[in-house]
Amino acid sequence: MPLTRIEMAARAALELADGAYVNLGIGLPTLVPNHVPDGVTVVLQSENGILGVGPYPTDDAVDADLINAGKETVTTLPGAAFFDSALSFGMIRGGKIDAAILGAMQVSASGDLANWMIPGKMVKGPGGAMDLVHGAARVIVLMEHVAKDGTPKIVDACSLPLTGRGVVDRIITDLAVIDVTDEGLVLTELAPGVTIEEVQDATEPALIVAPGVAARP
């Protein structure tokens, strides 16, 4: 069975190293902090100018002035810092972010990412993704394997406007974990009960299957 959104977030949390500075995209990636393994501490950055973002507030602790880049109310952890967005983007562009976990509409066989707009639909703005995918040391995409209409989101070439070319390192979906390499897309893990054939059928580019990959019960 495909992973649930909670299980996908838990799998993505395993990518985070102790002490890492991490930026999370809106949507599914915001679930990741709830699943960081015991003994691992990460520092979450929001590009509107917060370092040390904490969990979502309870209803009685909401501060409408304390929001992240997705305009969601948040909390902060002890030692958190606040600064203007120019300094925040200087941090991103200067390579100070260890990992960015982002959602996507499409990822290509060469690691191109499209995640900021669909032509014809209302767009609030590109946000910080274009800077993050070039400034973060590692870019991890966390998304469902196929779109709502069943079409692949991992494609030979992106048809949607690009966020960045050749920027994605790893793709984590409800079906599998796939690495972007110079040789092509490498299937490294399967969700329990999912077969290699099912993943390939849901993926436009041909996959390279890493040694030892097999369906798990």
N, C-alpha and C. Protein backbone atom coordinates (compact mmCIF):
# COMPACT_ATOMS: atom_id res chain seq x y z
N MET A 1 0.84 -1.20 0.00
CA MET A 1 0.00 0.00 0.00
C MET A 1 0.88 1.25 0.00
N PRO A 2 0.46 2.29 -0.71
CA PRO A 2 1.23 3.54 -0.66
C PRO A 2 1.29 4.09 0.76
N LEU A 3 2.34 4.83 1.03
CA LEU A 3 2.48 5.47 2.34
C LEU A 3 1.41 6.54 2.51
N THR A 4 0.97 6.73 3.74
CA THR A 4 0.10 7.87 4.07
C THR A 4 0.95 9.13 4.13
N ARG A 5 0.31 10.26 4.19
CA ARG A 5 1.05 11.53 4.29
C ARG A 5 1.89 11.57 5.57
N ILE A 6 1.36 11.03 6.65
CA ILE A 6 2.12 10.99 7.89
C ILE A 6 3.36 10.11 7.73
N GLU A 7 3.18 8.96 7.09
CA GLU A 7 4.32 8.05 6.87
C GLU A 7 5.34 8.66 5.93
N MET A 8 4.88 9.41 4.94
CA MET A 8 5.80 10.09 4.04
C MET A 8 6.64 11.13 4.80
N ALA A 9 5.98 11.88 5.67
CA ALA A 9 6.71 12.88 6.46
C ALA A 9 7.72 12.22 7.39
N ALA A 10 7.33 11.09 7.98
CA ALA A 10 8.25 10.37 8.86
C ALA A 10 9.46 9.86 8.09
N ARG A 11 9.24 9.39 6.86
CA ARG A 11 10.37 8.94 6.05
C ARG A 11 11.29 10.10 5.70
N ALA A 12 10.72 11.24 5.37
CA ALA A 12 11.53 12.41 5.03
C ALA A 12 12.34 12.89 6.24
N ALA A 13 11.77 12.75 7.43
CA ALA A 13 12.48 13.18 8.65
C ALA A 13 13.77 12.40 8.87
N LEU A 14 13.83 11.20 8.34
CA LEU A 14 15.05 10.39 8.49
C LEU A 14 16.22 10.97 7.69
N GLU A 15 15.94 11.89 6.80
CA GLU A 15 16.99 12.51 5.98
C GLU A 15 17.74 13.59 6.75
N LEU A 16 17.22 14.01 7.88
CA LEU A 16 17.77 15.17 8.57
C LEU A 16 18.83 14.78 9.59
N ALA A 17 19.97 15.42 9.48
CA ALA A 17 21.09 15.14 10.38
C ALA A 17 20.99 16.00 11.63
N ASP A 18 21.51 15.49 12.72
CA ASP A 18 21.52 16.24 13.98
C ASP A 18 22.26 17.56 13.79
N GLY A 19 21.64 18.65 14.23
CA GLY A 19 22.26 19.97 14.13
C GLY A 19 22.05 20.66 12.80
N ALA A 20 21.30 20.06 11.88
CA ALA A 20 21.12 20.64 10.55
C ALA A 20 20.22 21.87 10.60
N TYR A 21 20.51 22.79 9.71
CA TYR A 21 19.64 23.95 9.48
C TYR A 21 18.78 23.63 8.26
N VAL A 22 17.47 23.68 8.45
CA VAL A 22 16.55 23.11 7.46
C VAL A 22 15.44 24.10 7.13
N ASN A 23 15.10 24.18 5.85
CA ASN A 23 13.95 24.97 5.42
C ASN A 23 12.91 24.02 4.87
N LEU A 24 11.66 24.19 5.29
CA LEU A 24 10.56 23.33 4.87
C LEU A 24 9.58 24.11 4.02
N GLY A 25 9.19 23.53 2.88
CA GLY A 25 8.17 24.13 2.05
C GLY A 25 6.80 24.01 2.69
N ILE A 26 5.83 24.70 2.10
CA ILE A 26 4.47 24.64 2.63
C ILE A 26 3.83 23.31 2.24
N GLY A 27 2.74 22.97 2.91
CA GLY A 27 2.04 21.73 2.61
C GLY A 27 2.64 20.55 3.33
N LEU A 28 2.79 19.45 2.63
CA LEU A 28 3.26 18.20 3.22
C LEU A 28 4.57 18.34 4.01
N PRO A 29 5.57 19.09 3.53
CA PRO A 29 6.81 19.19 4.30
C PRO A 29 6.65 19.76 5.71
N THR A 30 5.57 20.50 5.95
CA THR A 30 5.40 21.07 7.29
C THR A 30 5.10 19.99 8.34
N LEU A 31 4.78 18.77 7.90
CA LEU A 31 4.54 17.67 8.84
C LEU A 31 5.84 17.03 9.33
N VAL A 32 6.94 17.30 8.66
CA VAL A 32 8.21 16.62 8.95
C VAL A 32 8.69 16.84 10.39
N PRO A 33 8.63 18.05 10.95
CA PRO A 33 9.18 18.24 12.31
C PRO A 33 8.54 17.36 13.38
N ASN A 34 7.31 16.92 13.15
CA ASN A 34 6.65 16.06 14.13
C ASN A 34 7.24 14.66 14.18
N HIS A 35 8.15 14.34 13.25
CA HIS A 35 8.66 12.98 13.13
C HIS A 35 10.19 12.90 13.15
N VAL A 36 10.83 13.98 13.57
CA VAL A 36 12.29 13.95 13.68
C VAL A 36 12.68 12.90 14.73
N PRO A 37 13.61 11.99 14.41
CA PRO A 37 13.95 10.90 15.34
C PRO A 37 14.49 11.41 16.67
N ASP A 38 14.30 10.60 17.70
CA ASP A 38 14.84 10.93 19.01
C ASP A 38 16.36 11.11 18.91
N GLY A 39 16.87 12.09 19.61
CA GLY A 39 18.30 12.34 19.60
C GLY A 39 18.77 13.23 18.47
N VAL A 40 17.85 13.60 17.57
CA VAL A 40 18.19 14.47 16.46
C VAL A 40 17.52 15.83 16.68
N THR A 41 18.30 16.89 16.63
CA THR A 41 17.78 18.25 16.76
C THR A 41 18.06 19.00 15.48
N VAL A 42 17.03 19.59 14.90
CA VAL A 42 17.22 20.41 13.71
C VAL A 42 16.73 21.82 14.00
N VAL A 43 17.33 22.78 13.30
CA VAL A 43 16.96 24.18 13.44
C VAL A 43 16.20 24.58 12.18
N LEU A 44 14.93 24.91 12.34
CA LEU A 44 14.08 25.24 11.20
C LEU A 44 14.15 26.72 10.89
N GLN A 45 14.32 27.02 9.61
CA GLN A 45 14.40 28.40 9.15
C GLN A 45 13.20 28.73 8.29
N SER A 46 12.62 29.89 8.50
CA SER A 46 11.55 30.39 7.64
C SER A 46 12.07 31.61 6.91
N GLU A 47 11.92 31.64 5.58
CA GLU A 47 12.60 32.69 4.81
C GLU A 47 12.06 34.09 5.04
N ASN A 48 10.94 34.22 5.76
CA ASN A 48 10.50 35.57 6.10
C ASN A 48 11.25 36.13 7.30
N GLY A 49 12.15 35.32 7.91
CA GLY A 49 13.04 35.89 8.92
C GLY A 49 12.97 35.28 10.30
N ILE A 50 12.81 33.96 10.39
CA ILE A 50 12.83 33.26 11.68
C ILE A 50 13.82 32.11 11.60
N LEU A 51 14.64 32.00 12.61
CA LEU A 51 15.51 30.84 12.77
C LEU A 51 15.18 30.22 14.12
N GLY A 52 14.73 28.96 14.11
CA GLY A 52 14.31 28.31 15.34
C GLY A 52 12.80 28.20 15.44
N VAL A 53 12.16 27.90 14.30
CA VAL A 53 10.70 27.74 14.28
C VAL A 53 10.33 26.49 15.09
N GLY A 54 9.29 26.63 15.90
CA GLY A 54 8.80 25.52 16.70
C GLY A 54 7.56 24.90 16.10
N PRO A 55 6.85 24.08 16.86
CA PRO A 55 5.64 23.43 16.36
C PRO A 55 4.50 24.43 16.20
N TYR A 56 3.45 23.99 15.53
CA TYR A 56 2.27 24.83 15.41
C TYR A 56 1.69 25.11 16.79
N PRO A 57 1.13 26.31 17.00
CA PRO A 57 0.59 26.64 18.31
C PRO A 57 -0.76 25.97 18.56
N THR A 58 -1.06 25.74 19.83
CA THR A 58 -2.40 25.33 20.20
C THR A 58 -3.32 26.54 20.08
N ASP A 59 -4.62 26.31 20.08
CA ASP A 59 -5.57 27.40 19.86
C ASP A 59 -5.41 28.52 20.88
N ASP A 60 -5.04 28.17 22.10
CA ASP A 60 -4.93 29.20 23.14
C ASP A 60 -3.58 29.90 23.14
N ALA A 61 -2.69 29.51 22.22
CA ALA A 61 -1.35 30.11 22.19
C ALA A 61 -1.06 30.78 20.85
N VAL A 62 -2.08 30.98 20.03
CA VAL A 62 -1.87 31.59 18.72
C VAL A 62 -1.49 33.06 18.87
N ASP A 63 -0.40 33.44 18.20
CA ASP A 63 0.01 34.84 18.12
C ASP A 63 -0.07 35.23 16.65
N ALA A 64 -1.04 36.05 16.29
CA ALA A 64 -1.28 36.39 14.89
C ALA A 64 -0.11 37.13 14.26
N ASP A 65 0.80 37.69 15.08
CA ASP A 65 1.96 38.39 14.54
C ASP A 65 3.14 37.46 14.28
N LEU A 66 3.03 36.22 14.69
CA LEU A 66 4.14 35.28 14.55
C LEU A 66 3.77 34.25 13.48
N ILE A 67 4.24 34.49 12.25
CA ILE A 67 3.86 33.63 11.13
C ILE A 67 5.10 33.19 10.36
N ASN A 68 4.94 32.09 9.63
CA ASN A 68 6.03 31.63 8.77
C ASN A 68 5.82 32.17 7.35
N ALA A 69 6.66 31.73 6.42
CA ALA A 69 6.58 32.24 5.06
C ALA A 69 5.30 31.82 4.36
N GLY A 70 4.66 30.76 4.84
CA GLY A 70 3.38 30.34 4.28
C GLY A 70 2.19 31.02 4.93
N LYS A 71 2.47 32.02 5.77
CA LYS A 71 1.45 32.80 6.47
C LYS A 71 0.65 31.95 7.46
N GLU A 72 1.31 30.92 8.00
CA GLU A 72 0.71 30.10 9.05
C GLU A 72 1.26 30.57 10.39
N THR A 73 0.42 30.55 11.41
CA THR A 73 0.92 30.91 12.73
C THR A 73 1.81 29.78 13.26
N VAL A 74 2.90 30.18 13.91
CA VAL A 74 3.88 29.22 14.41
C VAL A 74 4.29 29.61 15.83
N THR A 75 5.13 28.77 16.40
CA THR A 75 5.78 29.12 17.66
C THR A 75 7.28 29.15 17.41
N THR A 76 8.02 29.59 18.40
CA THR A 76 9.48 29.58 18.31
C THR A 76 10.05 28.83 19.50
N LEU A 77 11.24 28.29 19.31
CA LEU A 77 11.93 27.55 20.36
C LEU A 77 12.92 28.45 21.09
N PRO A 78 13.33 28.08 22.30
CA PRO A 78 14.33 28.88 23.01
C PRO A 78 15.58 29.09 22.15
N GLY A 79 16.05 30.33 22.12
CA GLY A 79 17.21 30.65 21.31
C GLY A 79 16.88 31.10 19.91
N ALA A 80 15.60 31.17 19.57
CA ALA A 80 15.20 31.58 18.23
C ALA A 80 15.64 33.01 17.95
N ALA A 81 15.84 33.29 16.66
CA ALA A 81 16.27 34.63 16.24
C ALA A 81 15.32 35.15 15.17
N PHE A 82 15.14 36.48 15.17
CA PHE A 82 14.30 37.15 14.18
C PHE A 82 15.15 38.16 13.42
N PHE A 83 14.93 38.25 12.12
CA PHE A 83 15.71 39.18 11.30
C PHE A 83 14.91 39.49 10.05
N ASP A 84 15.35 40.47 9.27
CA ASP A 84 14.57 40.83 8.09
C ASP A 84 14.78 39.82 6.97
N SER A 85 13.90 39.89 5.98
CA SER A 85 13.93 38.88 4.91
C SER A 85 15.19 39.00 4.06
N ALA A 86 15.78 40.19 3.98
CA ALA A 86 17.02 40.34 3.20
C ALA A 86 18.13 39.51 3.82
N LEU A 87 18.26 39.56 5.14
CA LEU A 87 19.27 38.75 5.83
C LEU A 87 18.94 37.27 5.70
N SER A 88 17.65 36.94 5.77
CA SER A 88 17.23 35.55 5.63
C SER A 88 17.63 34.99 4.27
N PHE A 89 17.39 35.76 3.22
CA PHE A 89 17.76 35.29 1.88
C PHE A 89 19.27 35.31 1.68
N GLY A 90 19.97 36.19 2.39
CA GLY A 90 21.43 36.14 2.36
C GLY A 90 21.93 34.84 2.97
N MET A 91 21.25 34.38 4.01
CA MET A 91 21.58 33.09 4.62
C MET A 91 21.37 31.95 3.62
N ILE A 92 20.25 32.00 2.90
CA ILE A 92 19.94 30.95 1.92
C ILE A 92 20.93 31.00 0.76
N ARG A 93 21.10 32.16 0.18
CA ARG A 93 21.97 32.29 -0.99
C ARG A 93 23.44 32.06 -0.63
N GLY A 94 23.77 32.26 0.63
CA GLY A 94 25.14 32.07 1.06
C GLY A 94 25.47 30.63 1.42
N GLY A 95 24.53 29.71 1.20
CA GLY A 95 24.81 28.30 1.43
C GLY A 95 24.79 27.88 2.88
N LYS A 96 24.05 28.60 3.71
CA LYS A 96 24.02 28.28 5.15
C LYS A 96 22.91 27.30 5.53
N ILE A 97 22.08 26.91 4.57
CA ILE A 97 20.99 25.96 4.83
C ILE A 97 21.44 24.57 4.38
N ASP A 98 21.38 23.62 5.31
CA ASP A 98 21.86 22.27 5.01
C ASP A 98 20.90 21.48 4.12
N ALA A 99 19.61 21.68 4.29
CA ALA A 99 18.64 20.91 3.51
C ALA A 99 17.36 21.71 3.35
N ALA A 100 16.74 21.54 2.20
CA ALA A 100 15.41 22.07 1.95
C ALA A 100 14.52 20.91 1.53
N ILE A 101 13.37 20.80 2.18
CA ILE A 101 12.39 19.77 1.82
C ILE A 101 11.18 20.50 1.23
N LEU A 102 10.90 20.24 -0.04
CA LEU A 102 9.90 20.99 -0.76
C LEU A 102 8.90 20.07 -1.44
N GLY A 103 7.71 20.56 -1.65
CA GLY A 103 6.75 19.86 -2.48
C GLY A 103 7.05 20.13 -3.95
N ALA A 104 6.35 19.43 -4.84
CA ALA A 104 6.58 19.64 -6.27
C ALA A 104 5.34 19.27 -7.06
N MET A 105 5.21 19.92 -8.19
CA MET A 105 4.19 19.55 -9.18
C MET A 105 4.80 18.59 -10.20
N GLN A 106 6.09 18.82 -10.53
CA GLN A 106 6.80 17.93 -11.44
C GLN A 106 8.29 17.92 -11.07
N VAL A 107 8.91 16.75 -11.27
CA VAL A 107 10.37 16.63 -11.21
C VAL A 107 10.79 15.86 -12.46
N SER A 108 11.82 16.35 -13.13
CA SER A 108 12.25 15.70 -14.37
C SER A 108 13.32 14.65 -14.11
N ALA A 109 13.64 13.89 -15.14
CA ALA A 109 14.65 12.84 -15.05
C ALA A 109 16.02 13.39 -14.70
N SER A 110 16.26 14.66 -15.03
CA SER A 110 17.56 15.27 -14.73
C SER A 110 17.55 16.11 -13.46
N GLY A 111 16.45 16.03 -12.69
CA GLY A 111 16.38 16.75 -11.43
C GLY A 111 15.87 18.17 -11.53
N ASP A 112 15.28 18.54 -12.69
CA ASP A 112 14.62 19.85 -12.78
C ASP A 112 13.38 19.84 -11.89
N LEU A 113 13.07 20.98 -11.31
CA LEU A 113 11.93 21.09 -10.39
C LEU A 113 10.95 22.15 -10.87
N ALA A 114 9.67 21.78 -10.88
CA ALA A 114 8.59 22.74 -11.14
C ALA A 114 7.65 22.68 -9.95
N ASN A 115 7.59 23.76 -9.18
CA ASN A 115 6.73 23.72 -7.99
C ASN A 115 6.12 25.06 -7.61
N TRP A 116 6.15 26.03 -8.52
CA TRP A 116 5.66 27.34 -8.07
C TRP A 116 4.41 27.85 -8.77
N MET A 117 4.07 27.31 -9.94
CA MET A 117 2.83 27.79 -10.57
C MET A 117 2.33 26.82 -11.61
N ILE A 118 1.00 26.88 -11.83
CA ILE A 118 0.36 26.21 -12.95
C ILE A 118 -0.24 27.32 -13.81
N PRO A 119 0.17 27.43 -15.08
CA PRO A 119 -0.36 28.51 -15.93
C PRO A 119 -1.88 28.55 -15.93
N GLY A 120 -2.42 29.74 -15.79
CA GLY A 120 -3.86 29.92 -15.79
C GLY A 120 -4.49 29.91 -14.42
N LYS A 121 -3.72 29.48 -13.41
CA LYS A 121 -4.24 29.47 -12.04
C LYS A 121 -3.63 30.62 -11.25
N MET A 122 -4.37 31.09 -10.25
CA MET A 122 -3.90 32.22 -9.46
C MET A 122 -2.60 31.86 -8.74
N VAL A 123 -1.65 32.78 -8.79
CA VAL A 123 -0.36 32.58 -8.14
C VAL A 123 -0.12 33.76 -7.21
N LYS A 124 0.14 33.46 -5.94
CA LYS A 124 0.42 34.53 -4.99
C LYS A 124 1.83 35.08 -5.17
N GLY A 125 2.72 34.26 -5.70
CA GLY A 125 4.10 34.68 -5.91
C GLY A 125 5.00 33.47 -5.88
N PRO A 126 6.23 33.62 -6.37
CA PRO A 126 7.13 32.46 -6.43
C PRO A 126 7.68 32.05 -5.08
N GLY A 127 7.57 32.92 -4.07
CA GLY A 127 8.11 32.56 -2.76
C GLY A 127 9.62 32.45 -2.80
N GLY A 128 10.17 31.67 -1.87
CA GLY A 128 11.62 31.56 -1.78
C GLY A 128 12.19 30.32 -2.42
N ALA A 129 11.35 29.53 -3.10
CA ALA A 129 11.81 28.24 -3.61
C ALA A 129 12.95 28.38 -4.60
N MET A 130 12.92 29.40 -5.44
CA MET A 130 13.96 29.54 -6.46
C MET A 130 15.32 29.79 -5.83
N ASP A 131 15.33 30.50 -4.73
CA ASP A 131 16.59 30.71 -4.01
C ASP A 131 16.99 29.46 -3.24
N LEU A 132 16.02 28.81 -2.62
CA LEU A 132 16.32 27.63 -1.81
C LEU A 132 16.92 26.50 -2.62
N VAL A 133 16.39 26.25 -3.82
CA VAL A 133 16.88 25.11 -4.58
C VAL A 133 18.30 25.31 -5.09
N HIS A 134 18.75 26.56 -5.11
CA HIS A 134 20.13 26.82 -5.52
C HIS A 134 21.05 27.07 -4.33
N GLY A 135 20.47 27.44 -3.18
CA GLY A 135 21.31 27.76 -2.04
C GLY A 135 21.46 26.65 -1.03
N ALA A 136 20.45 25.79 -0.91
CA ALA A 136 20.52 24.70 0.08
C ALA A 136 21.52 23.64 -0.38
N ALA A 137 22.23 23.06 0.59
CA ALA A 137 23.22 22.03 0.25
C ALA A 137 22.55 20.79 -0.33
N ARG A 138 21.33 20.50 0.10
CA ARG A 138 20.63 19.30 -0.38
C ARG A 138 19.16 19.64 -0.56
N VAL A 139 18.58 19.23 -1.68
CA VAL A 139 17.17 19.49 -1.97
C VAL A 139 16.44 18.16 -2.06
N ILE A 140 15.45 18.01 -1.19
CA ILE A 140 14.65 16.79 -1.13
C ILE A 140 13.21 17.16 -1.50
N VAL A 141 12.66 16.46 -2.46
CA VAL A 141 11.25 16.68 -2.84
C VAL A 141 10.40 15.63 -2.14
N LEU A 142 9.32 16.09 -1.52
CA LEU A 142 8.37 15.22 -0.83
C LEU A 142 7.01 15.45 -1.46
N MET A 143 6.48 14.42 -2.14
CA MET A 143 5.24 14.61 -2.88
C MET A 143 4.58 13.26 -3.16
N GLU A 144 3.28 13.30 -3.52
CA GLU A 144 2.63 12.12 -4.04
C GLU A 144 3.24 11.76 -5.40
N HIS A 145 3.26 10.48 -5.70
CA HIS A 145 3.96 10.02 -6.91
C HIS A 145 3.25 10.46 -8.19
N VAL A 146 1.92 10.50 -8.13
CA VAL A 146 1.16 10.91 -9.31
C VAL A 146 0.23 12.07 -8.96
N ALA A 147 -0.20 12.78 -9.98
CA ALA A 147 -1.15 13.89 -9.79
C ALA A 147 -2.55 13.35 -9.52
N LYS A 148 -3.45 14.24 -9.19
CA LYS A 148 -4.82 13.83 -8.86
C LYS A 148 -5.50 13.12 -10.02
N ASP A 149 -5.09 13.43 -11.25
CA ASP A 149 -5.70 12.77 -12.42
C ASP A 149 -4.97 11.49 -12.80
N GLY A 150 -3.98 11.09 -11.97
CA GLY A 150 -3.28 9.84 -12.21
C GLY A 150 -2.06 9.94 -13.11
N THR A 151 -1.78 11.12 -13.62
CA THR A 151 -0.61 11.28 -14.50
C THR A 151 0.67 11.38 -13.67
N PRO A 152 1.80 10.93 -14.23
CA PRO A 152 3.07 10.96 -13.47
C PRO A 152 3.50 12.39 -13.14
N LYS A 153 4.06 12.54 -11.95
CA LYS A 153 4.67 13.81 -11.57
C LYS A 153 6.18 13.75 -11.76
N ILE A 154 6.72 12.54 -11.90
CA ILE A 154 8.12 12.37 -12.25
C ILE A 154 8.15 12.11 -13.75
N VAL A 155 8.70 13.07 -14.50
CA VAL A 155 8.52 13.10 -15.95
C VAL A 155 9.87 13.18 -16.66
N ASP A 156 9.83 12.90 -17.97
CA ASP A 156 11.05 13.03 -18.77
C ASP A 156 11.53 14.48 -18.78
N ALA A 157 10.61 15.39 -19.01
CA ALA A 157 10.92 16.82 -19.01
C ALA A 157 9.72 17.57 -18.46
N CYS A 158 9.96 18.57 -17.62
CA CYS A 158 8.87 19.32 -17.01
C CYS A 158 8.14 20.15 -18.06
N SER A 159 6.83 20.13 -18.02
CA SER A 159 6.02 20.96 -18.90
C SER A 159 5.55 22.23 -18.20
N LEU A 160 5.71 22.29 -16.89
CA LEU A 160 5.33 23.47 -16.12
C LEU A 160 6.53 24.39 -15.94
N PRO A 161 6.30 25.67 -15.63
CA PRO A 161 7.41 26.61 -15.43
C PRO A 161 8.38 26.12 -14.35
N LEU A 162 9.66 26.20 -14.64
CA LEU A 162 10.66 25.65 -13.75
C LEU A 162 10.96 26.54 -12.56
N THR A 163 11.24 25.89 -11.45
CA THR A 163 11.79 26.56 -10.27
C THR A 163 13.30 26.54 -10.33
N GLY A 164 13.87 25.44 -10.82
CA GLY A 164 15.32 25.32 -10.95
C GLY A 164 15.67 24.14 -11.83
N ARG A 165 16.82 24.20 -12.49
CA ARG A 165 17.28 23.11 -13.35
C ARG A 165 18.31 22.26 -12.62
N GLY A 166 18.12 20.96 -12.64
CA GLY A 166 19.10 20.04 -12.07
C GLY A 166 19.38 20.25 -10.60
N VAL A 167 18.34 20.57 -9.83
CA VAL A 167 18.55 20.95 -8.43
C VAL A 167 18.14 19.88 -7.42
N VAL A 168 17.34 18.91 -7.84
CA VAL A 168 16.79 17.92 -6.90
C VAL A 168 17.80 16.80 -6.66
N ASP A 169 17.99 16.44 -5.39
CA ASP A 169 18.89 15.34 -5.02
C ASP A 169 18.14 14.04 -4.77
N ARG A 170 17.01 14.12 -4.09
CA ARG A 170 16.25 12.92 -3.73
C ARG A 170 14.76 13.21 -3.80
N ILE A 171 13.99 12.21 -4.25
CA ILE A 171 12.53 12.32 -4.32
C ILE A 171 11.94 11.26 -3.40
N ILE A 172 11.09 11.69 -2.47
CA ILE A 172 10.39 10.77 -1.58
C ILE A 172 8.90 10.89 -1.87
N THR A 173 8.29 9.76 -2.23
CA THR A 173 6.86 9.77 -2.56
C THR A 173 6.14 8.72 -1.72
N ASP A 174 4.85 8.60 -1.97
CA ASP A 174 4.06 7.59 -1.28
C ASP A 174 4.36 6.18 -1.79
N LEU A 175 5.09 6.07 -2.91
CA LEU A 175 5.42 4.76 -3.47
C LEU A 175 6.88 4.37 -3.30
N ALA A 176 7.78 5.35 -3.26
CA ALA A 176 9.19 5.00 -3.35
C ALA A 176 10.10 6.15 -2.95
N VAL A 177 11.39 5.82 -2.87
CA VAL A 177 12.46 6.81 -2.73
C VAL A 177 13.34 6.69 -3.96
N ILE A 178 13.58 7.81 -4.63
CA ILE A 178 14.31 7.83 -5.88
C ILE A 178 15.39 8.90 -5.81
N ASP A 179 16.62 8.54 -6.17
CA ASP A 179 17.73 9.48 -6.19
C ASP A 179 17.98 9.97 -7.61
N VAL A 180 18.32 11.24 -7.73
CA VAL A 180 18.70 11.82 -9.01
C VAL A 180 20.22 11.74 -9.13
N THR A 181 20.69 11.03 -10.13
CA THR A 181 22.13 10.85 -10.33
C THR A 181 22.51 11.23 -11.76
N ASP A 182 23.81 11.30 -12.02
CA ASP A 182 24.28 11.60 -13.37
C ASP A 182 23.89 10.51 -14.36
N GLU A 183 23.70 9.29 -13.85
CA GLU A 183 23.33 8.17 -14.72
C GLU A 183 21.83 8.10 -14.97
N GLY A 184 21.04 8.78 -14.14
CA GLY A 184 19.60 8.74 -14.27
C GLY A 184 18.93 8.62 -12.92
N LEU A 185 17.65 8.32 -12.91
CA LEU A 185 16.89 8.18 -11.67
C LEU A 185 17.07 6.78 -11.12
N VAL A 186 17.50 6.71 -9.87
CA VAL A 186 17.80 5.41 -9.24
C VAL A 186 16.76 5.12 -8.17
N LEU A 187 16.03 4.04 -8.33
CA LEU A 187 15.05 3.59 -7.35
C LEU A 187 15.79 2.91 -6.20
N THR A 188 15.70 3.49 -4.99
CA THR A 188 16.46 2.95 -3.86
C THR A 188 15.60 2.30 -2.79
N GLU A 189 14.31 2.66 -2.72
CA GLU A 189 13.41 2.08 -1.72
C GLU A 189 12.01 1.97 -2.29
N LEU A 190 11.29 0.99 -1.80
CA LEU A 190 9.87 0.83 -2.14
C LEU A 190 9.03 0.95 -0.87
N ALA A 191 7.85 1.50 -1.00
CA ALA A 191 6.89 1.47 0.11
C ALA A 191 6.44 0.02 0.32
N PRO A 192 6.06 -0.33 1.55
CA PRO A 192 5.62 -1.71 1.80
C PRO A 192 4.50 -2.14 0.85
N GLY A 193 4.66 -3.33 0.25
CA GLY A 193 3.65 -3.87 -0.63
C GLY A 193 3.65 -3.32 -2.03
N VAL A 194 4.53 -2.34 -2.32
CA VAL A 194 4.60 -1.74 -3.65
C VAL A 194 5.71 -2.43 -4.44
N THR A 195 5.44 -2.74 -5.69
CA THR A 195 6.42 -3.44 -6.52
C THR A 195 7.19 -2.46 -7.41
N ILE A 196 8.31 -2.94 -7.91
CA ILE A 196 9.10 -2.14 -8.85
C ILE A 196 8.25 -1.80 -10.07
N GLU A 197 7.48 -2.75 -10.55
CA GLU A 197 6.67 -2.54 -11.74
C GLU A 197 5.63 -1.45 -11.51
N GLU A 198 5.03 -1.41 -10.32
CA GLU A 198 4.04 -0.38 -10.02
C GLU A 198 4.67 1.01 -10.01
N VAL A 199 5.87 1.10 -9.46
CA VAL A 199 6.56 2.40 -9.44
C VAL A 199 6.92 2.82 -10.86
N GLN A 200 7.45 1.89 -11.64
CA GLN A 200 7.81 2.24 -13.02
C GLN A 200 6.59 2.64 -13.83
N ASP A 201 5.46 1.97 -13.64
CA ASP A 201 4.25 2.32 -14.37
C ASP A 201 3.76 3.72 -14.03
N ALA A 202 4.08 4.19 -12.83
CA ALA A 202 3.65 5.51 -12.39
C ALA A 202 4.70 6.59 -12.64
N THR A 203 5.80 6.21 -13.30
CA THR A 203 6.92 7.11 -13.53
C THR A 203 7.23 7.16 -15.02
N GLU A 204 7.34 8.37 -15.57
CA GLU A 204 7.58 8.49 -17.02
C GLU A 204 8.99 8.04 -17.43
N PRO A 205 10.05 8.52 -16.79
CA PRO A 205 11.39 8.08 -17.20
C PRO A 205 11.66 6.64 -16.76
N ALA A 206 12.53 5.96 -17.47
CA ALA A 206 12.96 4.63 -17.07
C ALA A 206 13.80 4.75 -15.80
N LEU A 207 13.56 3.87 -14.85
CA LEU A 207 14.27 3.89 -13.58
C LEU A 207 15.40 2.87 -13.57
N ILE A 208 16.49 3.24 -12.90
CA ILE A 208 17.56 2.30 -12.60
C ILE A 208 17.27 1.73 -11.21
N VAL A 209 17.21 0.42 -11.11
CA VAL A 209 16.88 -0.19 -9.82
C VAL A 209 18.17 -0.51 -9.06
N ALA A 210 18.30 0.07 -7.87
CA ALA A 210 19.50 -0.17 -7.06
C ALA A 210 19.54 -1.63 -6.60
N PRO A 211 20.73 -2.17 -6.40
CA PRO A 211 20.84 -3.55 -5.92
C PRO A 211 20.09 -3.75 -4.60
N GLY A 212 19.40 -4.87 -4.50
CA GLY A 212 18.73 -5.21 -3.24
C GLY A 212 17.35 -4.64 -3.09
N VAL A 213 16.88 -3.85 -4.03
CA VAL A 213 15.53 -3.27 -3.92
C VAL A 213 14.51 -4.33 -4.31
N ALA A 214 13.57 -4.58 -3.42
CA ALA A 214 12.52 -5.57 -3.68
C ALA A 214 11.30 -5.16 -2.89
N ALA A 215 10.15 -5.63 -3.30
CA ALA A 215 8.90 -5.33 -2.59
C ALA A 215 8.97 -5.85 -1.17
N ARG A 216 8.51 -5.02 -0.22
CA ARG A 216 8.48 -5.41 1.18
C ARG A 216 7.05 -5.69 1.59
N PRO A 217 6.86 -6.64 2.52
CA PRO A 217 5.50 -6.93 2.98
C PRO A 217 4.92 -5.74 3.75
